[in-house]
Each structure stands twice: as structure tokens, then as C-alpha cells.
Protein backbone atom coordinates (compact mmCIF):
# COMPACT_ATOMS: atom_id res chain seq x y z
CA UNK A 1 167.28 161.51 81.46
CA UNK A 2 165.01 162.23 78.52
CA UNK A 3 162.04 160.52 76.92
CA UNK A 4 160.20 161.43 73.74
CA UNK A 5 160.97 164.93 72.48
CA UNK A 6 157.90 166.56 73.95
CA UNK A 7 158.49 165.08 77.41
CA UNK A 8 161.19 165.87 79.94
CA UNK A 9 161.95 163.33 82.68
CA UNK A 10 163.45 164.29 86.03
CA UNK A 11 164.35 162.57 89.29
CA UNK A 12 163.25 164.42 92.42
CA UNK A 13 165.05 163.92 95.72
CA UNK A 14 162.28 165.71 97.62
CA UNK A 15 158.59 166.07 96.95
CA UNK A 16 158.52 169.63 98.29
CA UNK A 17 159.98 170.70 94.93
CA UNK A 18 156.48 170.06 93.54
CA UNK A 19 153.53 172.12 94.78
CA UNK A 20 150.65 170.46 96.58
CA UNK A 21 148.25 171.49 93.81
CA UNK A 22 150.46 170.21 90.98
CA UNK A 23 151.06 166.83 92.64
CA UNK A 24 147.47 166.23 93.71
CA UNK A 25 146.28 167.17 90.20
CA UNK A 26 147.92 163.93 89.04
CA UNK A 27 145.73 161.80 91.31
CA UNK A 28 142.44 160.24 90.23
CA UNK A 29 139.44 161.39 92.24
CA UNK A 30 139.14 158.03 94.00
CA UNK A 31 142.83 157.60 94.88
CA UNK A 32 143.71 156.69 98.45
CA UNK A 33 145.03 159.25 101.00
CA UNK A 34 148.51 157.74 100.89
CA UNK A 35 149.29 159.08 97.42
CA UNK A 36 148.49 162.63 98.38
CA UNK A 37 151.21 165.22 98.79
CA UNK A 38 150.25 165.58 102.47
CA UNK A 39 151.15 161.98 103.29
CA UNK A 40 154.25 161.49 101.14
CA UNK A 41 155.78 164.87 101.90
CA UNK A 42 155.10 164.50 105.62
CA UNK A 43 157.09 161.25 105.56
CA UNK A 44 159.98 163.13 103.97
CA UNK A 45 159.87 166.26 106.10
CA UNK A 46 159.84 164.29 109.36
CA UNK A 47 162.72 162.01 108.29
CA UNK A 48 160.72 158.77 108.13
CA UNK A 49 162.15 158.32 104.62
CA UNK A 50 165.32 159.78 103.17
CA UNK A 51 168.54 160.38 105.07
CA UNK A 52 169.90 157.22 106.67
CA UNK A 53 166.59 155.32 106.66
CA UNK A 54 167.44 153.19 103.62
CA UNK A 55 164.64 154.91 101.68
CA UNK A 56 166.44 157.26 99.27
CA UNK A 57 163.88 159.51 97.58
CA UNK A 58 163.98 159.28 93.77
CA UNK A 59 160.56 160.23 92.43
CA UNK A 60 160.35 160.03 88.64
CA UNK A 61 158.36 162.89 87.09
CA UNK A 62 157.45 163.93 83.55
CA UNK A 63 157.04 167.53 82.47
CA UNK A 64 155.62 168.84 79.24
CA UNK A 65 156.39 172.51 78.56
CA UNK A 66 157.28 172.88 82.28
CA UNK A 67 153.89 171.43 83.27
CA UNK A 68 153.85 168.34 85.46
CA UNK A 69 151.93 165.65 83.56
CA UNK A 70 153.10 162.36 85.08
CA UNK A 71 154.93 160.87 88.04
CA UNK A 72 155.93 157.63 89.73
CA UNK A 73 156.75 157.70 93.46
CA UNK A 74 160.10 155.90 93.70
CA UNK A 75 162.70 155.06 96.32
CA UNK A 76 166.13 153.50 96.16
CA UNK A 77 166.07 150.88 98.90
CA UNK A 78 169.05 149.60 100.88
CA UNK A 79 166.93 146.89 102.55
CA UNK A 80 163.47 145.32 102.26
CA UNK A 81 161.86 146.55 105.46
CA UNK A 82 158.46 148.25 105.39
CA UNK A 83 157.32 146.73 102.09
CA UNK A 84 155.00 143.79 102.89
CA UNK A 85 156.17 141.90 99.78
CA UNK A 86 159.03 139.72 100.93
CA UNK A 87 162.13 139.30 98.78
CA UNK A 88 164.77 138.56 101.40
CA UNK A 89 165.52 135.20 99.75
CA UNK A 90 166.17 136.96 96.44
CA UNK A 91 168.67 139.27 98.12
CA UNK A 92 170.34 136.28 99.79
CA UNK A 93 170.66 134.50 96.44
CA UNK A 94 172.37 137.56 94.96
CA UNK A 95 174.75 137.72 97.90
CA UNK A 96 175.63 134.03 97.55
CA UNK A 97 176.68 134.75 93.96
CA UNK A 98 178.84 137.69 95.03
CA UNK A 99 176.39 140.20 93.54
CA UNK A 100 174.62 143.22 95.01
CA UNK A 101 170.84 143.19 95.28
CA UNK A 102 170.72 146.54 97.07
CA UNK A 103 170.11 149.27 96.26
CA UNK A 104 166.99 148.34 94.36
CA UNK A 105 164.27 150.60 92.97
CA UNK A 106 160.92 150.51 94.75
CA UNK A 107 157.69 152.00 93.41
CA UNK A 108 155.43 151.92 96.45
CA UNK A 109 153.89 153.84 99.30
CA UNK A 110 156.28 153.46 102.26
CA UNK A 111 155.03 151.24 105.09
CA UNK A 112 151.59 151.00 103.44
CA UNK A 113 150.30 147.77 101.83
CA UNK A 114 147.45 149.44 99.96
CA UNK A 115 146.59 148.89 96.32
CA UNK A 116 146.47 152.01 94.17
CA UNK A 117 147.83 153.74 91.07
CA UNK A 118 151.61 153.78 90.82
CA UNK A 119 151.78 155.76 87.58
CA UNK A 120 150.18 159.13 88.16
CA UNK A 121 148.92 160.99 85.11
CA UNK A 122 147.16 164.31 84.81
CA UNK A 123 143.81 164.31 83.04
CA UNK A 124 143.57 165.45 79.44
CA UNK A 125 146.80 163.79 78.35
CA UNK A 126 147.73 160.65 76.43
CA UNK A 127 147.83 158.19 79.32
CA UNK A 128 149.36 155.28 77.41
CA UNK A 129 152.15 157.49 76.08
CA UNK A 130 152.99 158.80 79.55
CA UNK A 131 152.85 155.30 81.02
CA UNK A 132 155.26 154.05 78.37
CA UNK A 133 157.60 156.98 79.06
CA UNK A 134 157.52 156.37 82.83
CA UNK A 135 158.32 152.67 82.43
CA UNK A 136 161.10 153.49 79.99
CA UNK A 137 162.49 156.04 82.41
CA UNK A 138 162.35 153.51 85.23
CA UNK A 139 164.33 150.97 83.23
CA UNK A 140 166.86 153.65 82.26
CA UNK A 141 167.27 154.50 85.93
CA UNK A 142 168.20 150.88 86.60
CA UNK A 143 170.68 150.58 83.79
CA UNK A 144 172.27 154.01 84.17
CA UNK A 145 172.94 153.40 87.87
CA UNK A 146 173.73 149.66 87.66
CA UNK A 147 170.84 148.71 89.96
CA UNK A 148 169.64 145.13 90.34
CA UNK A 149 165.90 145.40 90.02
CA UNK A 150 162.69 147.42 90.16
CA UNK A 151 159.66 146.47 92.23
CA UNK A 152 156.22 148.04 91.90
CA UNK A 153 154.12 147.09 94.90
CA UNK A 154 150.32 146.83 94.89
CA UNK A 155 149.54 148.64 91.62
CA UNK A 156 146.02 148.69 90.24
CA UNK A 157 145.10 145.52 88.37
CA UNK A 158 145.00 147.48 85.11
CA UNK A 159 148.49 148.83 85.77
CA UNK A 160 149.84 145.39 86.66
CA UNK A 161 148.86 144.23 83.19
CA UNK A 162 150.70 147.19 81.66
CA UNK A 163 153.84 146.39 83.64
CA UNK A 164 153.55 142.74 82.63
CA UNK A 165 153.37 143.68 78.96
CA UNK A 166 156.55 145.73 79.51
CA UNK A 167 158.43 142.63 80.73
CA UNK A 168 157.77 142.80 84.47
CA UNK A 169 156.94 139.60 86.34
CA UNK A 170 153.81 139.58 88.47
CA UNK A 171 153.66 138.25 92.01
CA UNK A 172 150.41 137.39 93.81
CA UNK A 173 149.66 138.08 97.45
CA UNK A 174 146.53 137.90 99.57
CA UNK A 175 144.88 140.51 101.74
CA UNK A 176 141.61 140.44 103.68
CA UNK A 177 138.96 143.11 103.14
CA UNK A 178 135.58 143.73 104.73
CA UNK A 179 132.73 144.71 102.41
CA UNK A 180 129.63 146.61 103.42
CA UNK A 181 126.36 145.16 102.13
CA UNK A 182 124.32 148.25 102.96
CA UNK A 183 124.19 147.11 106.56
CA UNK A 184 122.04 149.31 108.79
CA UNK A 185 123.79 148.25 112.00
CA UNK A 186 126.28 145.78 113.43
CA UNK A 187 123.59 143.21 114.18
CA UNK A 188 122.63 143.10 110.52
CA UNK A 189 126.28 142.49 109.65
CA UNK A 190 126.34 139.61 112.14
CA UNK A 191 123.21 138.20 110.54
CA UNK A 192 125.17 137.82 107.29
CA UNK A 193 127.68 135.50 108.97
CA UNK A 194 127.55 131.81 109.67
CA UNK A 195 126.36 130.87 113.14
CA UNK A 196 129.87 129.87 114.23
CA UNK A 197 131.37 133.22 113.24
CA UNK A 198 128.47 135.18 114.66
CA UNK A 199 128.74 133.46 118.05
CA UNK A 200 132.51 133.93 118.11
CA UNK A 201 132.29 137.68 117.49
CA UNK A 202 129.61 138.13 120.13
CA UNK A 203 131.72 136.20 122.62
CA UNK A 204 134.78 138.35 121.89
CA UNK A 205 132.83 141.58 122.22
CA UNK A 206 131.29 140.41 125.50
CA UNK A 207 134.76 139.70 126.91
CA UNK A 208 135.79 143.29 126.27
CA UNK A 209 132.51 144.69 127.60
CA UNK A 210 132.99 142.79 130.89
CA UNK A 211 136.21 144.77 131.39
CA UNK A 212 134.13 147.98 131.55
CA UNK A 213 135.83 149.35 128.45
CA UNK A 214 134.24 152.05 126.31
CA UNK A 215 135.38 153.62 123.04
CA UNK A 216 135.89 157.16 121.91
CA UNK A 217 135.87 157.93 118.19
CA UNK A 218 137.99 160.97 117.38
CA UNK A 219 137.83 162.50 113.89
CA UNK A 220 141.11 163.96 112.68
CA UNK A 221 139.65 167.46 112.75
CA UNK A 222 139.29 167.41 116.54
CA UNK A 223 142.15 165.13 117.62
CA UNK A 224 144.35 166.90 120.17
CA UNK A 225 148.06 166.68 120.90
CA UNK A 226 147.16 164.55 123.94
CA UNK A 227 145.25 162.14 121.70
CA UNK A 228 148.20 161.84 119.33
CA UNK A 229 150.69 161.41 122.17
CA UNK A 230 148.63 158.56 123.57
CA UNK A 231 148.15 156.96 120.15
CA UNK A 232 151.88 157.13 119.49
CA UNK A 233 152.67 155.53 122.84
CA UNK A 234 150.41 152.63 121.82
CA UNK A 235 151.85 152.43 118.31
CA UNK A 236 155.41 152.48 119.64
CA UNK A 237 154.63 149.85 122.25
CA UNK A 238 153.49 147.41 119.55
CA UNK A 239 156.96 147.56 117.99
CA UNK A 240 158.71 147.30 121.36
CA UNK A 241 156.75 144.15 122.16
CA UNK A 242 158.16 142.64 118.95
CA UNK A 243 161.67 143.85 119.79
CA UNK A 244 161.62 146.29 116.89
CA UNK A 245 161.67 150.03 116.26
CA UNK A 246 158.74 152.00 114.80
CA UNK A 247 159.04 153.25 111.24
CA UNK A 248 157.04 156.42 111.87
CA UNK A 249 157.48 159.25 114.34
CA UNK A 250 155.01 161.11 116.51
CA UNK A 251 155.92 164.25 114.58
CA UNK A 252 154.87 162.56 111.35
CA UNK A 253 151.42 161.61 112.64
CA UNK A 254 150.80 165.12 113.95
CA UNK A 255 151.95 166.73 110.71
CA UNK A 256 149.85 164.39 108.58
CA UNK A 257 146.82 165.08 110.78
CA UNK A 258 147.40 168.81 110.46
CA UNK A 259 147.60 168.61 106.66
CA UNK A 260 144.89 166.02 105.98
CA UNK A 261 142.54 165.87 108.99
CA UNK A 262 139.59 164.66 106.89
CA UNK A 263 141.52 161.48 106.06
CA UNK A 264 142.15 160.40 109.65
CA UNK A 265 140.02 158.82 112.37
CA UNK A 266 141.26 157.66 115.77
CA UNK A 267 139.58 154.99 117.88
CA UNK A 268 140.57 155.12 121.55
CA UNK A 269 139.64 152.45 124.10
CA UNK A 270 139.27 153.62 127.69
CA UNK A 271 138.43 152.25 131.09
CA UNK A 272 136.96 154.68 133.61
CA UNK A 273 137.92 157.54 131.26
CA UNK A 274 141.56 156.42 131.24
CA UNK A 275 142.82 155.53 127.73
CA UNK A 276 144.30 152.04 127.39
CA UNK A 277 144.43 151.28 123.63
CA UNK A 278 144.10 152.96 120.25
CA UNK A 279 143.85 152.27 116.54
CA UNK A 280 143.97 154.50 113.48
CA UNK A 281 141.85 154.51 110.35
CA UNK A 282 142.70 156.33 107.15
CA UNK A 283 139.53 157.38 105.34
CA UNK A 284 138.95 158.02 101.65
CA UNK A 285 135.38 159.17 101.13
CA UNK A 286 135.73 159.46 97.35
CA UNK A 287 136.35 155.73 96.96
CA UNK A 288 134.31 154.94 100.10
CA UNK A 289 137.17 153.05 101.74
CA UNK A 290 138.68 152.86 105.19
CA UNK A 291 142.17 151.55 105.81
CA UNK A 292 143.15 150.07 109.15
CA UNK A 293 146.74 151.06 109.74
CA UNK A 294 148.08 150.93 113.30
CA UNK A 295 147.07 149.63 116.69
CA UNK A 296 148.56 149.40 120.14
CA UNK A 297 147.66 148.99 123.82
CA UNK A 298 149.05 149.71 127.26
CA UNK A 299 147.41 146.63 128.75
CA UNK A 300 147.07 143.07 127.54
CA UNK A 301 143.32 142.38 127.55
CA UNK A 302 141.78 139.41 125.78
CA UNK A 303 140.07 140.36 122.47
CA UNK A 304 140.78 144.09 122.90
CA UNK A 305 142.70 144.08 119.63
CA UNK A 306 139.77 142.63 117.70
CA UNK A 307 137.33 145.10 119.23
CA UNK A 308 139.48 148.22 118.79
CA UNK A 309 140.99 147.51 115.39
CA UNK A 310 138.15 145.56 113.71
CA UNK A 311 134.72 145.71 115.31
CA UNK A 312 134.78 149.40 116.20
CA UNK A 313 136.08 150.12 112.68
CA UNK A 314 133.29 148.05 111.12
CA UNK A 315 130.72 149.91 113.21
CA UNK A 316 132.25 153.17 111.98
CA UNK A 317 132.01 152.03 108.35
CA UNK A 318 128.37 151.00 108.77
CA UNK A 319 127.49 154.28 110.46
CA UNK A 320 129.28 156.39 107.82
CA UNK A 321 128.26 154.29 104.81
CA UNK A 322 131.86 153.33 103.97
CA UNK A 323 131.78 150.41 101.55
CA UNK A 324 135.18 148.73 102.04
CA UNK A 325 137.45 148.32 105.04
CA UNK A 326 140.96 147.11 104.27
CA UNK A 327 142.52 145.67 107.39
CA UNK A 328 146.15 145.69 106.23
CA UNK A 329 148.51 143.02 104.95
CA UNK A 330 147.99 139.29 105.50
CA UNK A 331 146.08 138.06 108.53
CA UNK A 332 144.01 134.94 107.87
CA UNK A 333 142.50 135.42 111.33
CA UNK A 334 140.53 138.35 109.86
CA UNK A 335 138.26 135.88 108.05
CA UNK A 336 136.75 134.84 111.37
CA UNK A 337 135.81 138.52 111.80
CA UNK A 338 133.94 138.82 108.51
CA UNK A 339 136.76 139.74 106.12
CA UNK A 340 137.18 138.06 102.73
CA UNK A 341 140.39 137.19 100.86
CA UNK A 342 141.44 139.40 97.96
CA UNK A 343 144.31 138.62 95.61
CA UNK A 344 146.47 141.59 94.64
CA UNK A 345 149.71 141.77 92.73
CA UNK A 346 153.10 143.40 92.56
CA UNK A 347 155.33 143.76 89.48
CA UNK A 348 159.07 143.00 89.38
CA UNK A 349 161.80 143.73 86.83
CA UNK A 350 165.03 141.78 87.39
CA UNK A 351 167.90 143.09 85.28
CA UNK A 352 170.15 140.00 85.36
CA UNK A 353 168.61 137.48 82.92
CA UNK A 354 169.76 134.45 84.93
CA UNK A 355 168.13 135.67 88.10
CA UNK A 356 165.09 136.82 86.17
CA UNK A 357 164.61 133.29 84.84
CA UNK A 358 165.07 131.69 88.26
CA UNK A 359 162.74 134.16 89.99
CA UNK A 360 160.20 133.68 87.21
CA UNK A 361 160.11 129.93 87.93
CA UNK A 362 159.76 130.66 91.65
CA UNK A 363 156.87 133.07 91.05
CA UNK A 364 155.02 130.55 88.92
CA UNK A 365 155.23 127.93 91.68
CA UNK A 366 154.28 130.51 94.28
CA UNK A 367 151.31 131.65 92.18
CA UNK A 368 149.98 128.12 92.09
CA UNK A 369 150.34 127.89 95.86
CA UNK A 370 148.56 131.22 96.40
CA UNK A 371 145.75 130.09 94.11
CA UNK A 372 145.32 126.87 96.06
CA UNK A 373 145.39 128.85 99.32
CA UNK A 374 142.64 131.22 98.12
CA UNK A 375 140.54 128.25 96.93
CA UNK A 376 140.88 126.66 100.35
CA UNK A 377 139.90 129.91 102.07
CA UNK A 378 136.80 130.15 99.90
CA UNK A 379 135.61 126.89 101.40
CA UNK A 380 135.63 128.52 104.82
CA UNK A 381 133.86 131.79 104.01
CA UNK A 382 132.46 133.53 107.10
CA UNK A 383 129.41 134.57 105.12
CA UNK A 384 126.32 132.41 104.97
CA UNK A 385 125.23 134.24 101.80
CA UNK A 386 126.59 136.90 99.46
CA UNK A 387 123.81 139.39 100.15
CA UNK A 388 121.80 140.32 103.19
CA UNK A 389 118.15 141.16 102.64
CA UNK A 390 117.11 144.26 104.59
């Protein structure tokens, strides 16, 4: 593949062909931990993507005079698992017409519904020119390999507009994020909530406290193999309870922690010094964000999930001055815990014009429904005001 004369486009089937320094030089200072070489390459090296997983690695990169100047993390998908933007009905419609929806091209962070840049560009270059070349290369990849579609999940709002101007269709979805208002402690956070929400949270925390449960916060720098083994048992158990298999391996978590310990924080619940539950936070101090990723427990205890995955994480954010806590995909129940709805988008290119037209009509109807849903949620805000006075 080739773009403008001064650029050379390549498809990588493994990120290890690019050095850590060269890849990370493409990332803006406030990018999330999931775009870093440590995370993406650890997924590849531990077999969580690639091989027979249905995530074929196909990263699109741009070089200029042998220097890496742009990239788009891409995968050829044989299914739609691990994406958090659901297109199963689109695949079914293709199948009903005797057409193949898979493989499709996916520009996303595997198993991670976090908004961030999807076109990575080194500083000191013509960003718009590289963006145009990446999008052109993506479309060429579709046509040259007779693929059905390309899907860019959770790009930055500014990028979504660029994709839209290039003919992609935008799809809205809703997540729930907690925002710090310079709270000095958890009680001040509670004071920002309506009485109903405040009483509910106190009641839930009291239920856990009556079980004689305490919490241990473990920064990635000091987490031990025993900590990771316990966390993985909890993580795996969550999938087993839903009659499913985990996407990630214990080896992956340990390797990621070894390579990027500053980006990881474990929260472990214990009773009488015996661990019973755990959750994981990914931390990005540059953007002052925490990302709640995984949770699991060995025992079923009322409200333990809320305490371990939400309230302990909020206390951590207040203590560390972290401004935003993203609790993961979906979850309207998070609003009762002080989270607010946020609309984010994905971008979709459908090669077949008939399906593109039909999906476009569907997305317009869906967008109206999402808008009405967000308006309804706004009427039930957990906050009694938008700012707490110290």
C-alpha cells in the first residue's frame, strides 16, 4: 500500500516490530494507558489477541524517510465480542442476504470501552495530511481485501468529526463518568448529592461494614504475584458466573503490571485478613483519569460490588486528586452512585451502498432514542448542584 509520495504505509502483524520509544512518541501527553506499547503489545505477546482469538493484528502505520510518523491500531475481526458497540444485527442482516460481514476492520482498543485518539500522529508533522493518509489507507485495506466494513470505536470527538467528513457514519452511545469537584473527602462528595442518593450510598456502605470487611489498596509498583493470582481468580469467576470465558489471561495482567506499574492500582476486599474480592483501576495521571476495568468476588455479599468497584475507587480519586473516574461501558445504575451520563461516539464505514443506506437510517433513529434517553437521565441527576462550595 502507498499513500502520497513522501509517505509509506505498512500493515503490521505484530506491534513488537515497532520499538516502545517510537510507538509511544506518537501518543499525546494525556493519552490513556491503553494506547501505550506496554498494554497493546502485552495483549499480543500473551495471546489475548492474534492467533485463533478472532482478533487478527493489522496495525496501519505511516513512515516518512523510515521514521514512524503515524499509526492506527487495527484488527481484522471474525466476530463482535469484546467491543462494547453492538452490531450483531448488522452481521445477521448480511448473513440473511448471503453476504459476509466478517472479517471486518476494527480500530479500537481490545476489550476496553475508553474514548481516546485512534489516529496517532507524532508531533511536528502535518496532522491533517497524516490523518487523511491513514483514512485513505484504511479504505484501501477494505477494498483491496474485499472486507465489509470498518469500525472506529470511541474516538475523540474531534476525530469523530474528521471520520464523518470522510464518509463514516457516527453512532452514539452512553457511558457514566464520575467527576471530582475538588472534594476534600468522601463526605464532601456525599454532600453534593441529593438526599435520596446520599442516604442510599451510606446504607450500602454500612451493609458492607457490618460484614467486617476492610480494603487494601495496592499500587502496581508493589503488587505481588499472590495479589495478581487472587485478582485473576476474582476476574475469572465473574465470567464463569455468566457462563462465559475471560478475554484476558493472568499472564497478561502480570506482564502489563511489570511493564507499566504506575498505570495500575488494585483494590482488594478482605475479611479477617482473608481476601474475598478485588477490582482494578487503570490510572493516567497526565489526564487525571482513572478507569474502572475489572471486578470479581469469591463470595456473594450484598453491596460489595458497589463498595469495591465504585466507592473505594472514588475515595482513591479524591485522595489522589484524580479528576475523572470512568466506570466502564453502560450501567445506568452508576447514576445512583454519583456518576453522570456522557455521550460518546463511534464511526462506521459500510462498503456496500445498500447496507450503508439502511444502517444510516437505523443510526438516525437510534440517535434520536439515545438523545431522549440522555434527556430523561438528566431529569434524575444524582447531584443537587453542579458545584460544591468548600
